[in-house]
PDB file of N, CA and C in Angstrom:
ATOM      1  N   UNK A   1     -71.238 -24.675  -9.888  1.00  0.00           N
ATOM      2  CA  UNK A   1     -69.938 -24.595 -10.078  1.00  0.00           C
ATOM      3  C   UNK A   1     -69.106 -23.485 -10.633  1.00  0.00           C
ATOM      4  N   UNK A   2     -68.202 -23.071 -10.034  1.00  0.00           N
ATOM      5  CA  UNK A   2     -67.574 -22.170 -10.713  1.00  0.00           C
ATOM      6  C   UNK A   2     -66.420 -22.476 -11.582  1.00  0.00           C
ATOM      7  N   UNK A   3     -66.457 -21.997 -12.844  1.00  0.00           N
ATOM      8  CA  UNK A   3     -65.532 -22.841 -13.686  1.00  0.00           C
ATOM      9  C   UNK A   3     -64.221 -22.656 -13.451  1.00  0.00           C
ATOM     10  N   UNK A   4     -63.192 -23.611 -13.394  1.00  0.00           N
ATOM     11  CA  UNK A   4     -61.839 -23.334 -12.817  1.00  0.00           C
ATOM     12  C   UNK A   4     -60.657 -24.114 -13.716  1.00  0.00           C
ATOM     13  N   UNK A   5     -59.310 -23.483 -13.865  1.00  0.00           N
ATOM     14  CA  UNK A   5     -58.425 -24.014 -14.708  1.00  0.00           C
ATOM     15  C   UNK A   5     -57.467 -24.515 -13.532  1.00  0.00           C
ATOM     16  N   UNK A   6     -56.858 -25.609 -13.972  1.00  0.00           N
ATOM     17  CA  UNK A   6     -55.424 -26.011 -13.425  1.00  0.00           C
ATOM     18  C   UNK A   6     -54.382 -25.991 -14.101  1.00  0.00           C
ATOM     19  N   UNK A   7     -53.477 -25.434 -13.750  1.00  0.00           N
ATOM     20  CA  UNK A   7     -52.065 -25.329 -14.876  1.00  0.00           C
ATOM     21  C   UNK A   7     -51.296 -26.302 -14.364  1.00  0.00           C
ATOM     22  N   UNK A   8     -50.985 -27.365 -14.764  1.00  0.00           N
ATOM     23  CA  UNK A   8     -49.849 -28.140 -14.491  1.00  0.00           C
ATOM     24  C   UNK A   8     -48.885 -28.294 -15.585  1.00  0.00           C
ATOM     25  N   UNK A   9     -48.206 -26.995 -15.561  1.00  0.00           N
ATOM     26  CA  UNK A   9     -46.736 -26.750 -16.081  1.00  0.00           C
ATOM     27  C   UNK A   9     -46.910 -27.454 -17.311  1.00  0.00           C
ATOM     28  N   UNK A  10     -45.782 -28.214 -17.914  1.00  0.00           N
ATOM     29  CA  UNK A  10     -45.497 -28.484 -19.160  1.00  0.00           C
ATOM     30  C   UNK A  10     -46.474 -29.465 -19.431  1.00  0.00           C
ATOM     31  N   UNK A  11     -47.110 -30.398 -18.448  1.00  0.00           N
ATOM     32  CA  UNK A  11     -47.720 -31.675 -18.866  1.00  0.00           C
ATOM     33  C   UNK A  11     -49.193 -31.195 -19.495  1.00  0.00           C
ATOM     34  N   UNK A  12     -50.138 -30.281 -18.947  1.00  0.00           N
ATOM     35  CA  UNK A  12     -51.200 -30.123 -19.283  1.00  0.00           C
ATOM     36  C   UNK A  12     -51.920 -28.966 -18.312  1.00  0.00           C
ATOM     37  N   UNK A  13     -53.240 -28.653 -18.706  1.00  0.00           N
ATOM     38  CA  UNK A  13     -54.267 -27.915 -18.091  1.00  0.00           C
ATOM     39  C   UNK A  13     -55.259 -28.709 -17.866  1.00  0.00           C
ATOM     40  N   UNK A  14     -55.861 -28.438 -16.818  1.00  0.00           N
ATOM     41  CA  UNK A  14     -57.301 -28.939 -16.759  1.00  0.00           C
ATOM     42  C   UNK A  14     -58.492 -27.875 -16.465  1.00  0.00           C
ATOM     43  N   UNK A  15     -59.733 -28.131 -17.001  1.00  0.00           N
ATOM     44  CA  UNK A  15     -60.754 -27.340 -16.719  1.00  0.00           C
ATOM     45  C   UNK A  15     -62.016 -28.256 -16.508  1.00  0.00           C
ATOM     46  N   UNK A  16     -62.601 -27.267 -15.537  1.00  0.00           N
ATOM     47  CA  UNK A  16     -63.998 -27.845 -14.962  1.00  0.00           C
ATOM     48  C   UNK A  16     -64.833 -27.041 -15.043  1.00  0.00           C
ATOM     49  N   UNK A  17     -66.052 -27.524 -15.593  1.00  0.00           N
ATOM     50  CA  UNK A  17     -67.047 -26.497 -15.717  1.00  0.00           C
ATOM     51  C   UNK A  17     -68.294 -26.972 -15.063  1.00  0.00           C
ATOM     52  N   UNK A  18     -69.422 -26.573 -15.062  1.00  0.00           N
ATOM     53  CA  UNK A  18     -70.647 -27.027 -14.844  1.00  0.00           C
ATOM     54  C   UNK A  18     -70.512 -28.397 -15.491  1.00  0.00           C
ATOM     55  N   UNK A  19     -70.620 -28.169 -16.832  1.00  0.00           N
ATOM     56  CA  UNK A  19     -70.991 -29.359 -17.918  1.00  0.00           C
ATOM     57  C   UNK A  19     -69.826 -30.324 -18.065  1.00  0.00           C
ATOM     58  N   UNK A  20     -68.445 -30.095 -17.614  1.00  0.00           N
ATOM     59  CA  UNK A  20     -67.543 -31.317 -17.961  1.00  0.00           C
ATOM     60  C   UNK A  20     -66.338 -31.033 -16.928  1.00  0.00           C
ATOM     61  N   UNK A  21     -65.609 -32.022 -17.359  1.00  0.00           N
ATOM     62  CA  UNK A  21     -64.295 -31.857 -16.775  1.00  0.00           C
ATOM     63  C   UNK A  21     -63.403 -32.268 -17.656  1.00  0.00           C
ATOM     64  N   UNK A  22     -62.367 -31.492 -18.342  1.00  0.00           N
ATOM     65  CA  UNK A  22     -61.560 -32.383 -19.358  1.00  0.00           C
ATOM     66  C   UNK A  22     -59.989 -31.930 -19.072  1.00  0.00           C
ATOM     67  N   UNK A  23     -59.203 -32.258 -19.750  1.00  0.00           N
ATOM     68  CA  UNK A  23     -57.464 -32.390 -19.593  1.00  0.00           C
ATOM     69  C   UNK A  23     -57.191 -31.821 -21.101  1.00  0.00           C
ATOM     70  N   UNK A  24     -56.226 -30.983 -21.310  1.00  0.00           N
ATOM     71  CA  UNK A  24     -55.577 -30.678 -22.579  1.00  0.00           C
ATOM     72  C   UNK A  24     -54.073 -30.916 -22.488  1.00  0.00           C
ATOM     73  N   UNK A  25     -53.479 -31.819 -23.207  1.00  0.00           N
ATOM     74  CA  UNK A  25     -51.990 -31.961 -23.148  1.00  0.00           C
ATOM     75  C   UNK A  25     -51.464 -30.584 -23.337  1.00  0.00           C
ATOM     76  N   UNK A  26     -50.146 -30.419 -22.826  1.00  0.00           N
ATOM     77  CA  UNK A  26     -49.223 -29.526 -23.246  1.00  0.00           C
ATOM     78  C   UNK A  26     -48.479 -29.758 -24.700  1.00  0.00           C
ATOM     79  N   UNK A  27     -47.792 -28.797 -24.949  1.00  0.00           N
ATOM     80  CA  UNK A  27     -46.892 -29.050 -26.552  1.00  0.00           C
ATOM     81  C   UNK A  27     -45.602 -29.272 -25.814  1.00  0.00           C
ATOM     82  N   UNK A  28     -44.950 -30.319 -26.279  1.00  0.00           N
ATOM     83  CA  UNK A  28     -43.537 -30.192 -25.826  1.00  0.00           C
ATOM     84  C   UNK A  28     -42.799 -29.344 -27.091  1.00  0.00           C
ATOM     85  N   UNK A  29     -41.660 -28.551 -26.115  1.00  0.00           N
ATOM     86  CA  UNK A  29     -40.649 -27.601 -26.663  1.00  0.00           C
ATOM     87  C   UNK A  29     -39.390 -27.868 -25.885  1.00  0.00           C
ATOM     88  N   UNK A  30     -38.333 -27.096 -26.262  1.00  0.00           N
ATOM     89  CA  UNK A  30     -37.335 -27.254 -25.821  1.00  0.00           C
ATOM     90  C   UNK A  30     -37.080 -26.230 -24.880  1.00  0.00           C
ATOM     91  N   UNK A  31     -37.449 -26.282 -23.360  1.00  0.00           N
ATOM     92  CA  UNK A  31     -37.442 -25.194 -22.262  1.00  0.00           C
ATOM     93  C   UNK A  31     -35.798 -24.350 -22.287  1.00  0.00           C
ATOM     94  N   UNK A  32     -36.045 -23.277 -22.380  1.00  0.00           N
ATOM     95  CA  UNK A  32     -34.644 -22.223 -22.151  1.00  0.00           C
ATOM     96  C   UNK A  32     -34.898 -21.173 -21.096  1.00  0.00           C
ATOM     97  N   UNK A  33     -35.737 -20.769 -20.927  1.00  0.00           N
ATOM     98  CA  UNK A  33     -36.255 -19.873 -19.924  1.00  0.00           C
ATOM     99  C   UNK A  33     -37.519 -19.809 -19.292  1.00  0.00           C
ATOM    100  N   UNK A  34     -38.202 -20.504 -18.053  1.00  0.00           N
ATOM    101  CA  UNK A  34     -39.164 -20.301 -17.838  1.00  0.00           C
ATOM    102  C   UNK A  34     -40.425 -19.227 -17.521  1.00  0.00           C
ATOM    103  N   UNK A  35     -39.339 -18.232 -17.332  1.00  0.00           N
ATOM    104  CA  UNK A  35     -40.048 -16.676 -17.210  1.00  0.00           C
ATOM    105  C   UNK A  35     -41.016 -16.570 -17.886  1.00  0.00           C
ATOM    106  N   UNK A  36     -41.972 -16.298 -17.401  1.00  0.00           N
ATOM    107  CA  UNK A  36     -43.233 -15.733 -18.019  1.00  0.00           C
ATOM    108  C   UNK A  36     -44.179 -16.551 -18.737  1.00  0.00           C
ATOM    109  N   UNK A  37     -43.683 -17.820 -18.633  1.00  0.00           N
ATOM    110  CA  UNK A  37     -44.911 -18.881 -19.371  1.00  0.00           C
ATOM    111  C   UNK A  37     -46.269 -18.998 -18.634  1.00  0.00           C
ATOM    112  N   UNK A  38     -46.242 -18.963 -17.192  1.00  0.00           N
ATOM    113  CA  UNK A  38     -47.768 -18.665 -16.494  1.00  0.00           C
ATOM    114  C   UNK A  38     -48.237 -17.327 -16.987  1.00  0.00           C
ATOM    115  N   UNK A  39     -47.740 -16.061 -16.935  1.00  0.00           N
ATOM    116  CA  UNK A  39     -48.413 -14.922 -17.467  1.00  0.00           C
ATOM    117  C   UNK A  39     -49.022 -15.132 -18.895  1.00  0.00           C
ATOM    118  N   UNK A  40     -48.018 -15.669 -19.544  1.00  0.00           N
ATOM    119  CA  UNK A  40     -48.359 -15.905 -21.239  1.00  0.00           C
ATOM    120  C   UNK A  40     -49.785 -16.755 -21.216  1.00  0.00           C
ATOM    121  N   UNK A  41     -49.728 -17.771 -20.445  1.00  0.00           N
ATOM    122  CA  UNK A  41     -50.991 -18.553 -20.152  1.00  0.00           C
ATOM    123  C   UNK A  41     -51.997 -17.668 -19.877  1.00  0.00           C
ATOM    124  N   UNK A  42     -51.971 -17.071 -18.739  1.00  0.00           N
ATOM    125  CA  UNK A  42     -53.419 -16.586 -18.120  1.00  0.00           C
ATOM    126  C   UNK A  42     -53.439 -15.110 -18.929  1.00  0.00           C
ATOM    127  N   UNK A  43     -52.672 -14.374 -19.833  1.00  0.00           N
ATOM    128  CA  UNK A  43     -52.960 -13.056 -20.586  1.00  0.00           C
ATOM    129  C   UNK A  43     -53.844 -13.691 -21.711  1.00  0.00           C
ATOM    130  N   UNK A  44     -53.227 -14.956 -22.505  1.00  0.00           N
ATOM    131  CA  UNK A  44     -53.957 -15.374 -23.463  1.00  0.00           C
ATOM    132  C   UNK A  44     -55.439 -16.097 -23.254  1.00  0.00           C
ATOM    133  N   UNK A  45     -55.594 -16.783 -21.830  1.00  0.00           N
ATOM    134  CA  UNK A  45     -57.154 -17.021 -21.693  1.00  0.00           C
ATOM    135  C   UNK A  45     -57.902 -15.783 -21.217  1.00  0.00           C
ATOM    136  N   UNK A  46     -57.136 -15.120 -20.865  1.00  0.00           N
ATOM    137  CA  UNK A  46     -58.231 -13.219 -20.468  1.00  0.00           C
ATOM    138  C   UNK A  46     -58.356 -12.940 -21.964  1.00  0.00           C
ATOM    139  N   UNK A  47     -57.559 -13.176 -22.796  1.00  0.00           N
ATOM    140  CA  UNK A  47     -57.930 -12.510 -24.211  1.00  0.00           C
ATOM    141  C   UNK A  47     -58.910 -13.396 -24.765  1.00  0.00           C
ATOM    142  N   UNK A  48     -59.052 -14.500 -24.526  1.00  0.00           N
ATOM    143  CA  UNK A  48     -60.212 -15.683 -25.104  1.00  0.00           C
ATOM    144  C   UNK A  48     -61.264 -15.354 -24.564  1.00  0.00           C
ATOM    145  N   UNK A  49     -61.483 -15.365 -23.122  1.00  0.00           N
ATOM    146  CA  UNK A  49     -62.782 -14.585 -22.374  1.00  0.00           C
ATOM    147  C   UNK A  49     -63.407 -13.352 -22.827  1.00  0.00           C
ATOM    148  N   UNK A  50     -61.910 -12.227 -23.205  1.00  0.00           N
ATOM    149  CA  UNK A  50     -62.966 -10.850 -23.264  1.00  0.00           C
ATOM    150  C   UNK A  50     -63.105 -11.193 -24.957  1.00  0.00           C
ATOM    151  N   UNK A  51     -62.920 -11.761 -25.608  1.00  0.00           N
ATOM    152  CA  UNK A  51     -63.159 -12.109 -26.984  1.00  0.00           C
ATOM    153  C   UNK A  51     -64.631 -12.862 -27.133  1.00  0.00           C
ATOM    154  N   UNK A  52     -65.013 -13.533 -26.052  1.00  0.00           N
ATOM    155  CA  UNK A  52     -66.177 -14.334 -26.436  1.00  0.00           C
ATOM    156  C   UNK A  52     -66.751 -14.558 -24.679  1.00  0.00           C
ATOM    157  N   UNK A  53     -67.650 -13.929 -24.588  1.00  0.00           N
ATOM    158  CA  UNK A  53     -68.307 -13.695 -22.866  1.00  0.00           C
ATOM    159  C   UNK A  53     -68.759 -15.147 -22.510  1.00  0.00           C
ATOM    160  N   UNK A  54     -69.376 -15.949 -23.814  1.00  0.00           N
ATOM    161  CA  UNK A  54     -70.142 -16.899 -23.482  1.00  0.00           C
ATOM    162  C   UNK A  54     -68.942 -18.001 -23.221  1.00  0.00           C
ATOM    163  N   UNK A  55     -67.733 -17.972 -23.601  1.00  0.00           N
ATOM    164  CA  UNK A  55     -66.589 -18.920 -23.959  1.00  0.00           C
ATOM    165  C   UNK A  55     -66.831 -20.148 -22.609  1.00  0.00           C
ATOM    166  N   UNK A  56     -67.199 -19.786 -21.436  1.00  0.00           N
ATOM    167  CA  UNK A  56     -67.491 -21.113 -20.442  1.00  0.00           C
ATOM    168  C   UNK A  56     -68.964 -21.523 -20.539  1.00  0.00           C
ATOM    169  N   UNK A  57     -69.470 -21.222 -21.515  1.00  0.00           N
ATOM    170  CA  UNK A  57     -70.698 -22.020 -21.440  1.00  0.00           C
ATOM    171  C   UNK A  57     -70.662 -23.024 -22.670  1.00  0.00           C
ATOM    172  N   UNK A  58     -69.528 -23.013 -23.611  1.00  0.00           N
ATOM    173  CA  UNK A  58     -69.644 -23.969 -24.726  1.00  0.00           C
ATOM    174  C   UNK A  58     -68.446 -24.931 -24.621  1.00  0.00           C
ATOM    175  N   UNK A  59     -68.323 -26.022 -24.371  1.00  0.00           N
ATOM    176  CA  UNK A  59     -66.979 -26.979 -24.349  1.00  0.00           C
ATOM    177  C   UNK A  59     -66.261 -26.822 -25.543  1.00  0.00           C
ATOM    178  N   UNK A  60     -66.920 -26.636 -26.796  1.00  0.00           N
ATOM    179  CA  UNK A  60     -66.171 -26.813 -27.878  1.00  0.00           C
ATOM    180  C   UNK A  60     -65.207 -25.769 -28.030  1.00  0.00           C
ATOM    181  N   UNK A  61     -66.197 -24.389 -27.465  1.00  0.00           N
ATOM    182  CA  UNK A  61     -65.279 -23.058 -27.631  1.00  0.00           C
ATOM    183  C   UNK A  61     -64.149 -23.136 -26.721  1.00  0.00           C
ATOM    184  N   UNK A  62     -64.501 -23.500 -25.439  1.00  0.00           N
ATOM    185  CA  UNK A  62     -63.456 -23.649 -24.337  1.00  0.00           C
ATOM    186  C   UNK A  62     -62.181 -24.507 -24.628  1.00  0.00           C
ATOM    187  N   UNK A  63     -62.513 -25.654 -25.392  1.00  0.00           N
ATOM    188  CA  UNK A  63     -61.391 -26.508 -25.773  1.00  0.00           C
ATOM    189  C   UNK A  63     -60.588 -26.241 -26.916  1.00  0.00           C
ATOM    190  N   UNK A  64     -61.179 -25.365 -27.626  1.00  0.00           N
ATOM    191  CA  UNK A  64     -60.373 -24.571 -28.558  1.00  0.00           C
ATOM    192  C   UNK A  64     -59.684 -23.287 -28.278  1.00  0.00           C
ATOM    193  N   UNK A  65     -60.128 -22.420 -26.986  1.00  0.00           N
ATOM    194  CA  UNK A  65     -59.664 -21.760 -26.685  1.00  0.00           C
ATOM    195  C   UNK A  65     -58.234 -21.866 -25.983  1.00  0.00           C
ATOM    196  N   UNK A  66     -58.136 -23.329 -25.819  1.00  0.00           N
ATOM    197  CA  UNK A  66     -56.733 -23.585 -24.896  1.00  0.00           C
ATOM    198  C   UNK A  66     -55.783 -23.843 -25.755  1.00  0.00           C
ATOM    199  N   UNK A  67     -55.469 -22.904 -26.918  1.00  0.00           N
ATOM    200  CA  UNK A  67     -54.493 -22.751 -27.534  1.00  0.00           C
ATOM    201  C   UNK A  67     -53.617 -22.013 -26.480  1.00  0.00           C
ATOM    202  N   UNK A  68     -53.995 -21.528 -25.561  1.00  0.00           N
ATOM    203  CA  UNK A  68     -53.167 -20.850 -24.395  1.00  0.00           C
ATOM    204  C   UNK A  68     -52.173 -21.784 -24.005  1.00  0.00           C
ATOM    205  N   UNK A  69     -52.289 -23.220 -23.862  1.00  0.00           N
ATOM    206  CA  UNK A  69     -51.227 -23.945 -23.515  1.00  0.00           C
ATOM    207  C   UNK A  69     -49.871 -23.528 -24.658  1.00  0.00           C
ATOM    208  N   UNK A  70     -50.271 -23.295 -25.863  1.00  0.00           N
ATOM    209  CA  UNK A  70     -49.068 -23.108 -26.901  1.00  0.00           C
ATOM    210  C   UNK A  70     -48.424 -21.978 -26.343  1.00  0.00           C
ATOM    211  N   UNK A  71     -49.080 -20.925 -26.125  1.00  0.00           N
ATOM    212  CA  UNK A  71     -48.919 -19.430 -25.581  1.00  0.00           C
ATOM    213  C   UNK A  71     -47.519 -19.849 -24.553  1.00  0.00           C
ATOM    214  N   UNK A  72     -47.701 -20.489 -23.832  1.00  0.00           N
ATOM    215  CA  UNK A  72     -47.022 -20.645 -22.313  1.00  0.00           C
ATOM    216  C   UNK A  72     -45.785 -21.620 -23.064  1.00  0.00           C
ATOM    217  N   UNK A  73     -46.029 -22.763 -23.877  1.00  0.00           N
ATOM    218  CA  UNK A  73     -44.796 -23.338 -24.460  1.00  0.00           C
ATOM    219  C   UNK A  73     -43.954 -22.705 -25.137  1.00  0.00           C
ATOM    220  N   UNK A  74     -44.567 -21.396 -26.013  1.00  0.00           N
ATOM    221  CA  UNK A  74     -43.581 -20.850 -26.921  1.00  0.00           C
ATOM    222  C   UNK A  74     -42.573 -20.024 -25.922  1.00  0.00           C
ATOM    223  N   UNK A  75     -43.326 -19.555 -24.832  1.00  0.00           N
ATOM    224  CA  UNK A  75     -42.782 -18.527 -24.261  1.00  0.00           C
ATOM    225  C   UNK A  75     -41.360 -19.116 -23.422  1.00  0.00           C
ATOM    226  N   UNK A  76     -41.232 -20.532 -23.345  1.00  0.00           N
ATOM    227  CA  UNK A  76     -40.067 -21.080 -22.440  1.00  0.00           C
ATOM    228  C   UNK A  76     -38.787 -21.125 -23.569  1.00  0.00           C
ATOM    229  N   UNK A  77     -39.350 -21.053 -24.682  1.00  0.00           N
ATOM    230  CA  UNK A  77     -38.341 -21.389 -25.812  1.00  0.00           C
ATOM    231  C   UNK A  77     -37.194 -20.199 -25.840  1.00  0.00           C
ATOM    232  N   UNK A  78     -37.541 -19.065 -25.270  1.00  0.00           N
ATOM    233  CA  UNK A  78     -36.492 -18.036 -25.560  1.00  0.00           C
ATOM    234  C   UNK A  78     -36.217 -17.291 -24.392  1.00  0.00           C
ATOM    235  N   UNK A  79     -35.509 -16.606 -24.068  1.00  0.00           N
ATOM    236  CA  UNK A  79     -34.883 -16.201 -22.829  1.00  0.00           C
ATOM    237  C   UNK A  79     -35.681 -14.443 -22.517  1.00  0.00           C
ATOM    238  N   UNK A  80     -36.219 -14.754 -21.425  1.00  0.00           N
ATOM    239  CA  UNK A  80     -36.962 -13.254 -20.901  1.00  0.00           C
ATOM    240  C   UNK A  80     -38.403 -13.435 -21.071  1.00  0.00           C
ATOM    241  N   UNK A  81     -39.092 -12.840 -20.283  1.00  0.00           N
ATOM    242  CA  UNK A  81     -40.833 -12.936 -20.586  1.00  0.00           C
ATOM    243  C   UNK A  81     -41.299 -11.912 -21.669  1.00  0.00           C
ATOM    244  N   UNK A  82     -41.011 -10.824 -21.834  1.00  0.00           N
ATOM    245  CA  UNK A  82     -41.609 -10.310 -22.530  1.00  0.00           C
ATOM    246  C   UNK A  82     -41.316 -10.422 -24.008  1.00  0.00           C
ATOM    247  N   UNK A  83     -39.767 -10.444 -24.241  1.00  0.00           N
ATOM    248  CA  UNK A  83     -39.372 -10.864 -25.796  1.00  0.00           C
ATOM    249  C   UNK A  83     -39.639 -12.141 -26.230  1.00  0.00           C
ATOM    250  N   UNK A  84     -40.069 -13.070 -25.423  1.00  0.00           N
ATOM    251  CA  UNK A  84     -40.680 -14.313 -25.401  1.00  0.00           C
ATOM    252  C   UNK A  84     -42.102 -14.458 -26.018  1.00  0.00           C
ATOM    253  N   UNK A  85     -42.756 -13.465 -25.470  1.00  0.00           N
ATOM    254  CA  UNK A  85     -44.507 -13.810 -25.842  1.00  0.00           C
ATOM    255  C   UNK A  85     -44.624 -13.902 -27.368  1.00  0.00           C
ATOM    256  N   UNK A  86     -45.184 -14.887 -27.579  1.00  0.00           N
ATOM    257  CA  UNK A  86     -45.620 -15.306 -28.998  1.00  0.00           C
ATOM    258  C   UNK A  86     -47.124 -14.464 -29.766  1.00  0.00           C
ATOM    259  N   UNK A  87     -46.930 -14.340 -30.803  1.00  0.00           N
ATOM    260  CA  UNK A  87     -47.813 -13.450 -31.631  1.00  0.00           C
ATOM    261  C   UNK A  87     -48.912 -14.474 -31.903  1.00  0.00           C
ATOM    262  N   UNK A  88     -50.088 -14.131 -31.882  1.00  0.00           N
ATOM    263  CA  UNK A  88     -51.115 -15.014 -32.313  1.00  0.00           C
ATOM    264  C   UNK A  88     -50.961 -16.043 -33.546  1.00  0.00           C
ATOM    265  N   UNK A  89     -50.148 -15.708 -34.607  1.00  0.00           N
ATOM    266  CA  UNK A  89     -49.961 -16.152 -35.875  1.00  0.00           C
ATOM    267  C   UNK A  89     -49.027 -17.461 -35.723  1.00  0.00           C
ATOM    268  N   UNK A  90     -48.018 -16.825 -34.418  1.00  0.00           N
ATOM    269  CA  UNK A  90     -46.840 -18.157 -34.033  1.00  0.00           C
ATOM    270  C   UNK A  90     -47.250 -19.196 -33.136  1.00  0.00           C
ATOM    271  N   UNK A  91     -48.374 -18.684 -32.419  1.00  0.00           N
ATOM    272  CA  UNK A  91     -49.058 -20.018 -31.596  1.00  0.00           C
ATOM    273  C   UNK A  91     -50.092 -20.916 -32.695  1.00  0.00           C
ATOM    274  N   UNK A  92     -50.892 -19.928 -33.405  1.00  0.00           N
ATOM    275  CA  UNK A  92     -51.637 -20.727 -34.751  1.00  0.00           C
ATOM    276  C   UNK A  92     -50.687 -22.055 -35.238  1.00  0.00           C
ATOM    277  N   UNK A  93     -49.679 -21.652 -35.617  1.00  0.00           N
ATOM    278  CA  UNK A  93     -48.548 -22.296 -36.330  1.00  0.00           C
ATOM    279  C   UNK A  93     -48.071 -23.501 -35.612  1.00  0.00           C
ATOM    280  N   UNK A  94     -47.600 -23.485 -34.139  1.00  0.00           N
ATOM    281  CA  UNK A  94     -47.359 -24.737 -33.587  1.00  0.00           C
ATOM    282  C   UNK A  94     -48.440 -25.565 -33.065  1.00  0.00           C
ATOM    283  N   UNK A  95     -49.883 -24.794 -32.904  1.00  0.00           N
ATOM    284  CA  UNK A  95     -50.790 -25.799 -32.924  1.00  0.00           C
ATOM    285  C   UNK A  95     -50.811 -27.000 -34.009  1.00  0.00           C
ATOM    286  N   UNK A  96     -51.015 -26.189 -35.064  1.00  0.00           N
ATOM    287  CA  UNK A  96     -51.210 -26.682 -36.519  1.00  0.00           C
ATOM    288  C   UNK A  96     -50.264 -28.000 -36.674  1.00  0.00           C
ATOM    289  N   UNK A  97     -48.981 -27.425 -36.013  1.00  0.00           N
ATOM    290  CA  UNK A  97     -47.910 -28.557 -36.301  1.00  0.00           C
ATOM    291  C   UNK A  97     -48.178 -29.792 -35.181  1.00  0.00           C
ATOM    292  N   UNK A  98     -48.191 -29.333 -33.955  1.00  0.00           N
ATOM    293  CA  UNK A  98     -48.919 -30.239 -33.160  1.00  0.00           C
ATOM    294  C   UNK A  98     -49.718 -31.282 -33.430  1.00  0.00           C
ATOM    295  N   UNK A  99     -50.488 -30.716 -33.918  1.00  0.00           N
ATOM    296  CA  UNK A  99     -51.677 -31.538 -34.312  1.00  0.00           C
ATOM    297  C   UNK A  99     -51.722 -32.552 -35.235  1.00  0.00           C
ATOM    298  N   UNK A 100     -50.426 -32.633 -36.096  1.00  0.00           N
ATOM    299  CA  UNK A 100     -50.301 -33.614 -36.998  1.00  0.00           C
ATOM    300  C   UNK A 100     -49.757 -34.707 -36.963  1.00  0.00           C
TER     301      UNK A 100
END
């Protein structure tokens, strides 16, 4: 089975690998402009894959990498795609806040 991700907008993303099938909930934000949310998500997952070639083989690492949901969520809180892209530090902060 080829690893696969399905993005379900603000609700969640699902990932499927040979070893598992899981769902990661979205992060609730006040949406202003949805331009660039998908690009932010995909850019973040590509960053994660480039940083760890074995990412798809380890469910714990894969689940942790799905901070990319926060990238998409943060992008819709501002106007415009490029100016709205969050930094890694901002993403880590929103994940910390969402986990509380």
